């Protein structure tokens, strides 16, 4: 693949990583406001970019080197997600956003590895969980609400 063709392939991968993160990003923006339309695409694109950078210099016969890049991404994105979790007394907010940002990082890595089916499945699954469970969460009484009765 020549340089210009490689450029466009990478540009499309980065764009795909961003686009696939948008359904969950929009949901989190509307429901939690902790992370949303800026954070999710940036994490997905960043994860994709680090995989692409790694693939550019890691020999194919050394998968352990790619595994170390993935391990670093996993830890780094976990750190970003940890920043979304807020504790207020006995109430905790942001865990769904934290978990979703972790999945979004995996989505970006999958795009970088051209694992398109996995990337799409992660996008769809993540969105379905936060969308359906956000509505159900408000229907389930908490211990604090039960104590008020």
C-alpha atoms as a PDB file:
ATOM      1  CA  UNK A   1       0.000   0.000   0.000  1.00  0.00           C
ATOM      2  CA  UNK A   2       1.478   3.361  -0.948  1.00  0.00           C
ATOM      3  CA  UNK A   3       1.736   6.299   1.441  1.00  0.00           C
ATOM      4  CA  UNK A   4      -1.310   8.220   0.209  1.00  0.00           C
ATOM      5  CA  UNK A   5      -3.542   5.144   0.170  1.00  0.00           C
ATOM      6  CA  UNK A   6      -2.345   4.239   3.665  1.00  0.00           C
ATOM      7  CA  UNK A   7      -3.134   7.791   4.808  1.00  0.00           C
ATOM      8  CA  UNK A   8      -6.754   7.506   3.633  1.00  0.00           C
ATOM      9  CA  UNK A   9      -7.205   4.059   5.175  1.00  0.00           C
ATOM     10  CA  UNK A  10      -5.989   5.367   8.532  1.00  0.00           C
ATOM     11  CA  UNK A  11      -8.148   8.497   8.227  1.00  0.00           C
ATOM     12  CA  UNK A  12     -11.217   6.329   7.596  1.00  0.00           C
ATOM     13  CA  UNK A  13     -10.361   4.089  10.542  1.00  0.00           C
ATOM     14  CA  UNK A  14     -10.065   7.092  12.865  1.00  0.00           C
ATOM     15  CA  UNK A  15     -13.340   8.491  11.538  1.00  0.00           C
ATOM     16  CA  UNK A  16     -15.052   5.109  11.975  1.00  0.00           C
ATOM     17  CA  UNK A  17     -13.794   4.900  15.560  1.00  0.00           C
ATOM     18  CA  UNK A  18     -15.304   8.315  16.288  1.00  0.00           C
ATOM     19  CA  UNK A  19     -18.621   7.592  14.545  1.00  0.00           C
ATOM     20  CA  UNK A  20     -19.086   4.216  16.249  1.00  0.00           C
ATOM     21  CA  UNK A  21     -18.693   5.879  19.643  1.00  0.00           C
ATOM     22  CA  UNK A  22     -21.358   8.530  18.997  1.00  0.00           C
ATOM     23  CA  UNK A  23     -24.548   6.639  19.959  1.00  0.00           C
ATOM     24  CA  UNK A  24     -23.260   5.927  23.464  1.00  0.00           C
ATOM     25  CA  UNK A  25     -21.674   9.384  23.662  1.00  0.00           C
ATOM     26  CA  UNK A  26     -25.017  11.024  22.908  1.00  0.00           C
ATOM     27  CA  UNK A  27     -26.783   8.858  25.479  1.00  0.00           C
ATOM     28  CA  UNK A  28     -24.232   9.647  28.181  1.00  0.00           C
ATOM     29  CA  UNK A  29     -24.370  13.360  27.299  1.00  0.00           C
ATOM     30  CA  UNK A  30     -28.147  13.383  27.758  1.00  0.00           C
ATOM     31  CA  UNK A  31     -28.301  11.156  30.840  1.00  0.00           C
ATOM     32  CA  UNK A  32     -25.191  11.719  32.919  1.00  0.00           C
ATOM     33  CA  UNK A  33     -23.377  14.830  31.650  1.00  0.00           C
ATOM     34  CA  UNK A  34     -20.209  13.371  33.258  1.00  0.00           C
ATOM     35  CA  UNK A  35     -18.778  12.295  29.905  1.00  0.00           C
ATOM     36  CA  UNK A  36     -20.320  12.611  26.500  1.00  0.00           C
ATOM     37  CA  UNK A  37     -19.992  13.905  22.980  1.00  0.00           C
ATOM     38  CA  UNK A  38     -16.393  15.021  23.330  1.00  0.00           C
ATOM     39  CA  UNK A  39     -14.898  12.384  25.591  1.00  0.00           C
ATOM     40  CA  UNK A  40     -16.195   9.196  23.961  1.00  0.00           C
ATOM     41  CA  UNK A  41     -15.020   9.953  20.402  1.00  0.00           C
ATOM     42  CA  UNK A  42     -11.665  11.196  21.687  1.00  0.00           C
ATOM     43  CA  UNK A  43     -11.079   8.005  23.670  1.00  0.00           C
ATOM     44  CA  UNK A  44     -12.118   5.828  20.738  1.00  0.00           C
ATOM     45  CA  UNK A  45      -9.948   7.722  18.247  1.00  0.00           C
ATOM     46  CA  UNK A  46      -7.021   7.745  20.685  1.00  0.00           C
ATOM     47  CA  UNK A  47      -7.224   3.987  21.239  1.00  0.00           C
ATOM     48  CA  UNK A  48      -7.422   3.428  17.485  1.00  0.00           C
ATOM     49  CA  UNK A  49      -4.437   5.719  16.912  1.00  0.00           C
ATOM     50  CA  UNK A  50      -2.238   3.943  19.470  1.00  0.00           C
ATOM     51  CA  UNK A  51      -3.031   0.586  17.866  1.00  0.00           C
ATOM     52  CA  UNK A  52      -2.229   2.000  14.413  1.00  0.00           C
ATOM     53  CA  UNK A  53       1.051   3.441  15.693  1.00  0.00           C
ATOM     54  CA  UNK A  54       1.960   0.104  17.243  1.00  0.00           C
ATOM     55  CA  UNK A  55       1.101  -1.811  14.099  1.00  0.00           C
ATOM     56  CA  UNK A  56       3.375   0.504  12.105  1.00  0.00           C
ATOM     57  CA  UNK A  57       6.524  -0.735  13.849  1.00  0.00           C
ATOM     58  CA  UNK A  58       5.729  -4.037  15.561  1.00  0.00           C
ATOM     59  CA  UNK A  59       6.816  -7.069  13.533  1.00  0.00           C
ATOM     60  CA  UNK A  60       3.966  -9.496  12.890  1.00  0.00           C
ATOM     61  CA  UNK A  61       5.903 -12.291  14.567  1.00  0.00           C
ATOM     62  CA  UNK A  62       5.901 -10.401  17.900  1.00  0.00           C
ATOM     63  CA  UNK A  63       2.283 -10.305  19.136  1.00  0.00           C
ATOM     64  CA  UNK A  64       3.521  -9.776  22.705  1.00  0.00           C
ATOM     65  CA  UNK A  65       4.546  -6.225  21.753  1.00  0.00           C
ATOM     66  CA  UNK A  66       0.991  -5.458  20.603  1.00  0.00           C
ATOM     67  CA  UNK A  67      -0.292  -7.046  23.803  1.00  0.00           C
ATOM     68  CA  UNK A  68       1.758  -4.536  25.819  1.00  0.00           C
ATOM     69  CA  UNK A  69       0.199  -1.656  23.865  1.00  0.00           C
ATOM     70  CA  UNK A  70      -3.258  -3.095  24.560  1.00  0.00           C
ATOM     71  CA  UNK A  71      -2.374  -3.465  28.251  1.00  0.00           C
ATOM     72  CA  UNK A  72      -1.330   0.193  28.406  1.00  0.00           C
ATOM     73  CA  UNK A  73      -4.557   1.270  26.690  1.00  0.00           C
ATOM     74  CA  UNK A  74      -6.612  -0.820  29.094  1.00  0.00           C
ATOM     75  CA  UNK A  75      -4.974   0.791  32.117  1.00  0.00           C
ATOM     76  CA  UNK A  76      -5.026   4.319  30.710  1.00  0.00           C
ATOM     77  CA  UNK A  77      -8.666   4.217  29.706  1.00  0.00           C
ATOM     78  CA  UNK A  78      -9.511   2.741  33.107  1.00  0.00           C
ATOM     79  CA  UNK A  79      -7.866   5.789  34.649  1.00  0.00           C
ATOM     80  CA  UNK A  80     -10.003   8.117  32.493  1.00  0.00           C
ATOM     81  CA  UNK A  81     -13.126   6.155  33.438  1.00  0.00           C
ATOM     82  CA  UNK A  82     -12.212   6.325  37.106  1.00  0.00           C
ATOM     83  CA  UNK A  83     -12.437  10.100  36.848  1.00  0.00           C
ATOM     84  CA  UNK A  84     -16.113   9.763  35.944  1.00  0.00           C
ATOM     85  CA  UNK A  85     -17.052   7.998  39.165  1.00  0.00           C
ATOM     86  CA  UNK A  86     -18.294  10.401  41.812  1.00  0.00           C
ATOM     87  CA  UNK A  87     -19.243   9.462  45.362  1.00  0.00           C
ATOM     88  CA  UNK A  88     -21.627  11.587  47.378  1.00  0.00           C
ATOM     89  CA  UNK A  89     -22.314  10.085  50.785  1.00  0.00           C
ATOM     90  CA  UNK A  90     -23.652   6.610  50.145  1.00  0.00           C
ATOM     91  CA  UNK A  91     -24.582   7.392  46.519  1.00  0.00           C
ATOM     92  CA  UNK A  92     -22.245   6.715  43.572  1.00  0.00           C
ATOM     93  CA  UNK A  93     -22.653   8.273  40.100  1.00  0.00           C
ATOM     94  CA  UNK A  94     -20.823   7.679  36.866  1.00  0.00           C
ATOM     95  CA  UNK A  95     -20.184   3.953  36.915  1.00  0.00           C
ATOM     96  CA  UNK A  96     -22.100   3.363  33.666  1.00  0.00           C
ATOM     97  CA  UNK A  97     -20.144   6.153  31.989  1.00  0.00           C
ATOM     98  CA  UNK A  98     -16.892   4.705  33.316  1.00  0.00           C
ATOM     99  CA  UNK A  99     -17.716   1.227  32.028  1.00  0.00           C
ATOM    100  CA  UNK A 100     -18.903   2.642  28.706  1.00  0.00           C
ATOM    101  CA  UNK A 101     -15.688   4.588  28.217  1.00  0.00           C
ATOM    102  CA  UNK A 102     -13.759   1.372  28.769  1.00  0.00           C
ATOM    103  CA  UNK A 103     -15.831  -0.400  26.097  1.00  0.00           C
ATOM    104  CA  UNK A 104     -15.359   2.593  23.802  1.00  0.00           C
ATOM    105  CA  UNK A 105     -11.593   2.199  24.127  1.00  0.00           C
ATOM    106  CA  UNK A 106     -11.929  -1.445  23.115  1.00  0.00           C
ATOM    107  CA  UNK A 107     -14.085  -0.328  20.188  1.00  0.00           C
ATOM    108  CA  UNK A 108     -11.342   2.040  19.009  1.00  0.00           C
ATOM    109  CA  UNK A 109      -8.698  -0.666  19.374  1.00  0.00           C
ATOM    110  CA  UNK A 110     -10.892  -3.068  17.377  1.00  0.00           C
ATOM    111  CA  UNK A 111     -11.162  -0.506  14.566  1.00  0.00           C
ATOM    112  CA  UNK A 112      -7.391  -0.054  14.610  1.00  0.00           C
ATOM    113  CA  UNK A 113      -6.984  -3.822  14.251  1.00  0.00           C
ATOM    114  CA  UNK A 114      -9.643  -3.829  11.485  1.00  0.00           C
ATOM    115  CA  UNK A 115     -11.888  -6.074  13.555  1.00  0.00           C
ATOM    116  CA  UNK A 116     -14.952  -4.365  12.094  1.00  0.00           C
ATOM    117  CA  UNK A 117     -17.561  -6.851  13.314  1.00  0.00           C
ATOM    118  CA  UNK A 118     -16.317  -6.570  16.887  1.00  0.00           C
ATOM    119  CA  UNK A 119     -16.229  -2.769  16.702  1.00  0.00           C
ATOM    120  CA  UNK A 120     -19.821  -2.583  15.456  1.00  0.00           C
ATOM    121  CA  UNK A 121     -21.000  -5.138  18.034  1.00  0.00           C
ATOM    122  CA  UNK A 122     -19.338  -3.181  20.855  1.00  0.00           C
ATOM    123  CA  UNK A 123     -20.963   0.042  19.662  1.00  0.00           C
ATOM    124  CA  UNK A 124     -24.417  -1.518  19.404  1.00  0.00           C
ATOM    125  CA  UNK A 125     -24.185  -3.475  22.644  1.00  0.00           C
ATOM    126  CA  UNK A 126     -22.863  -0.512  24.639  1.00  0.00           C
ATOM    127  CA  UNK A 127     -25.614   1.760  23.333  1.00  0.00           C
ATOM    128  CA  UNK A 128     -28.390  -0.783  23.924  1.00  0.00           C
ATOM    129  CA  UNK A 129     -27.288  -1.363  27.513  1.00  0.00           C
ATOM    130  CA  UNK A 130     -27.048   2.315  28.480  1.00  0.00           C
ATOM    131  CA  UNK A 131     -30.231   3.211  26.580  1.00  0.00           C
ATOM    132  CA  UNK A 132     -32.456   0.428  27.884  1.00  0.00           C
ATOM    133  CA  UNK A 133     -31.028   0.288  31.367  1.00  0.00           C
ATOM    134  CA  UNK A 134     -31.165   4.065  31.868  1.00  0.00           C
ATOM    135  CA  UNK A 135     -34.938   3.869  31.572  1.00  0.00           C
ATOM    136  CA  UNK A 136     -35.213   0.760  33.726  1.00  0.00           C
ATOM    137  CA  UNK A 137     -32.920   2.172  36.402  1.00  0.00           C
ATOM    138  CA  UNK A 138     -35.432   4.919  37.169  1.00  0.00           C
ATOM    139  CA  UNK A 139     -38.207   2.338  37.566  1.00  0.00           C
ATOM    140  CA  UNK A 140     -36.402   0.247  40.195  1.00  0.00           C
ATOM    141  CA  UNK A 141     -36.760   1.631  43.741  1.00  0.00           C
ATOM    142  CA  UNK A 142     -33.567   2.139  45.709  1.00  0.00           C
ATOM    143  CA  UNK A 143     -33.059   1.366  49.390  1.00  0.00           C
ATOM    144  CA  UNK A 144     -33.303   5.086  50.193  1.00  0.00           C
ATOM    145  CA  UNK A 145     -36.694   5.340  48.467  1.00  0.00           C
ATOM    146  CA  UNK A 146     -37.945   2.241  50.272  1.00  0.00           C
ATOM    147  CA  UNK A 147     -36.890   3.754  53.613  1.00  0.00           C
ATOM    148  CA  UNK A 148     -39.104   6.785  52.895  1.00  0.00           C
ATOM    149  CA  UNK A 149     -42.255   4.635  52.642  1.00  0.00           C
END
